[in-house]
C-alpha atoms as a PDB file:
ATOM      1  CA  MET A   1      12.119   5.170   8.758  1.00  0.00           C
ATOM      2  CA  GLN A   2      10.961   1.611   8.349  1.00  0.00           C
ATOM      3  CA  LEU A   3       7.959   0.388   6.429  1.00  0.00           C
ATOM      4  CA  THR A   4       5.758  -2.523   7.444  1.00  0.00           C
ATOM      5  CA  ALA A   5       5.491  -5.402   4.988  1.00  0.00           C
ATOM      6  CA  VAL A   6       2.577  -7.822   5.347  1.00  0.00           C
ATOM      7  CA  TYR A   7       2.595 -11.230   3.661  1.00  0.00           C
ATOM      8  CA  LEU A   8      -0.510 -13.374   3.291  1.00  0.00           C
ATOM      9  CA  LYS A   9      -0.286 -17.080   2.527  1.00  0.00           C
ATOM     10  CA  VAL A  10      -2.521 -17.958  -0.431  1.00  0.00           C
ATOM     11  CA  PRO A  11      -2.858 -21.191  -2.442  1.00  0.00           C
ATOM     12  CA  GLU A  12      -0.568 -19.787  -5.170  1.00  0.00           C
ATOM     13  CA  GLY A  13       2.152 -18.715  -2.689  1.00  0.00           C
ATOM     14  CA  TYR A  14       2.272 -15.317  -0.956  1.00  0.00           C
ATOM     15  CA  VAL A  15       0.722 -11.903  -1.484  1.00  0.00           C
ATOM     16  CA  GLY A  16       2.604  -8.974   0.004  1.00  0.00           C
ATOM     17  CA  PHE A  17       1.871  -5.304   0.567  1.00  0.00           C
ATOM     18  CA  VAL A  18       3.206  -2.347   2.534  1.00  0.00           C
ATOM     19  CA  GLU A  19       0.850  -0.905   5.146  1.00  0.00           C
ATOM     20  CA  GLU A  20       2.164   2.652   4.809  1.00  0.00           C
ATOM     21  CA  LEU A  21       2.433   2.828   1.021  1.00  0.00           C
ATOM     22  CA  PRO A  22      -0.766   2.250  -0.961  1.00  0.00           C
ATOM     23  CA  GLY A  23      -0.080   0.695  -4.327  1.00  0.00           C
ATOM     24  CA  ALA A  24       3.011  -1.192  -3.186  1.00  0.00           C
ATOM     25  CA  ASN A  25       1.850  -4.782  -3.442  1.00  0.00           C
ATOM     26  CA  THR A  26       2.971  -7.955  -5.137  1.00  0.00           C
ATOM     27  CA  GLN A  27       2.951 -11.735  -5.051  1.00  0.00           C
ATOM     28  CA  GLY A  28       5.373 -14.628  -5.297  1.00  0.00           C
ATOM     29  CA  GLU A  29       5.412 -18.395  -5.282  1.00  0.00           C
ATOM     30  CA  THR A  30       7.659 -18.340  -2.197  1.00  0.00           C
ATOM     31  CA  LEU A  31       7.971 -15.919   0.705  1.00  0.00           C
ATOM     32  CA  GLU A  32      11.465 -14.949  -0.451  1.00  0.00           C
ATOM     33  CA  GLU A  33      10.218 -14.223  -3.980  1.00  0.00           C
ATOM     34  CA  ALA A  34       7.387 -12.110  -2.563  1.00  0.00           C
ATOM     35  CA  ARG A  35       9.899 -10.169  -0.418  1.00  0.00           C
ATOM     36  CA  ILE A  36      12.125  -9.437  -3.405  1.00  0.00           C
ATOM     37  CA  ASN A  37       9.139  -8.468  -5.552  1.00  0.00           C
ATOM     38  CA  LEU A  38       7.799  -6.182  -2.818  1.00  0.00           C
ATOM     39  CA  GLN A  39      11.096  -4.302  -2.566  1.00  0.00           C
ATOM     40  CA  GLU A  40      10.935  -3.703  -6.308  1.00  0.00           C
ATOM     41  CA  ALA A  41       7.279  -2.629  -6.066  1.00  0.00           C
ATOM     42  CA  VAL A  42       8.160  -0.065  -3.373  1.00  0.00           C
ATOM     43  CA  GLN A  43      10.941   1.365  -5.540  1.00  0.00           C
ATOM     44  CA  LEU A  44       8.605   1.599  -8.542  1.00  0.00           C
ATOM     45  CA  VAL A  45       5.821   3.303  -6.563  1.00  0.00           C
ATOM     46  CA  LEU A  46       8.243   5.852  -5.094  1.00  0.00           C
ATOM     47  CA  GLU A  47       9.761   6.552  -8.511  1.00  0.00           C
ATOM     48  CA  ALA A  48       6.322   6.962 -10.109  1.00  0.00           C
ATOM     49  CA  ASN A  49       5.215   9.312  -7.321  1.00  0.00           C
ATOM     50  CA  ARG A  50       8.354  11.427  -7.735  1.00  0.00           C
ATOM     51  CA  LEU A  51       7.815  11.713 -11.484  1.00  0.00           C
ATOM     52  CA  LEU A  52       4.178  12.676 -10.985  1.00  0.00           C
ATOM     53  CA  VAL A  53       5.169  15.413  -8.539  1.00  0.00           C
ATOM     54  CA  GLU A  54       7.886  16.688 -10.883  1.00  0.00           C
ATOM     55  CA  GLU A  55       5.318  17.070 -13.656  1.00  0.00           C
ATOM     56  CA  THR A  56       2.880  18.796 -11.295  1.00  0.00           C
ATOM     57  CA  LEU A  57       5.501  21.314 -10.113  1.00  0.00           C
ATOM     58  CA  ILE A  58       6.624  22.486 -13.550  1.00  0.00           C
ATOM     59  CA  GLY A  59       6.398  26.266 -13.702  1.00  0.00           C
ATOM     60  CA  GLN A  60       5.530  26.661 -10.020  1.00  0.00           C
ATOM     61  CA  GLU A  61       7.528  28.234  -7.220  1.00  0.00           C
ATOM     62  CA  PHE A  62       8.103  25.696  -4.460  1.00  0.00           C
ATOM     63  CA  ILE A  63      10.360  24.657  -1.607  1.00  0.00           C
ATOM     64  CA  ARG A  64      11.739  21.119  -1.430  1.00  0.00           C
ATOM     65  CA  GLU A  65      13.391  19.808   1.719  1.00  0.00           C
ATOM     66  CA  GLN A  66      14.115  16.511   3.454  1.00  0.00           C
ATOM     67  CA  MET A  67      11.584  15.530   6.104  1.00  0.00           C
ATOM     68  CA  PRO A  68      12.741  13.057   8.755  1.00  0.00           C
ATOM     69  CA  ILE A  69      10.084  10.634   9.936  1.00  0.00           C
ATOM     70  CA  ALA A  70      10.146   9.395  13.513  1.00  0.00           C
ATOM     71  CA  ALA A  71       8.477   6.133  14.389  1.00  0.00           C
END
């Protein structure tokens, strides 16, 4: 699976976000800084989502499995 990063040039540098992952967005003075920051933002959003799900599933019976995504 690959995600799509979009970078917009703004007066302060670049704003970046991921099309497929709402909440994963960032900025940087350079394109490279925005890329690095966006990778970190993606990791933080995924981690936060996992923690939220863990809290929601406490005490419930559930099945967890890997789900491959085809492009």
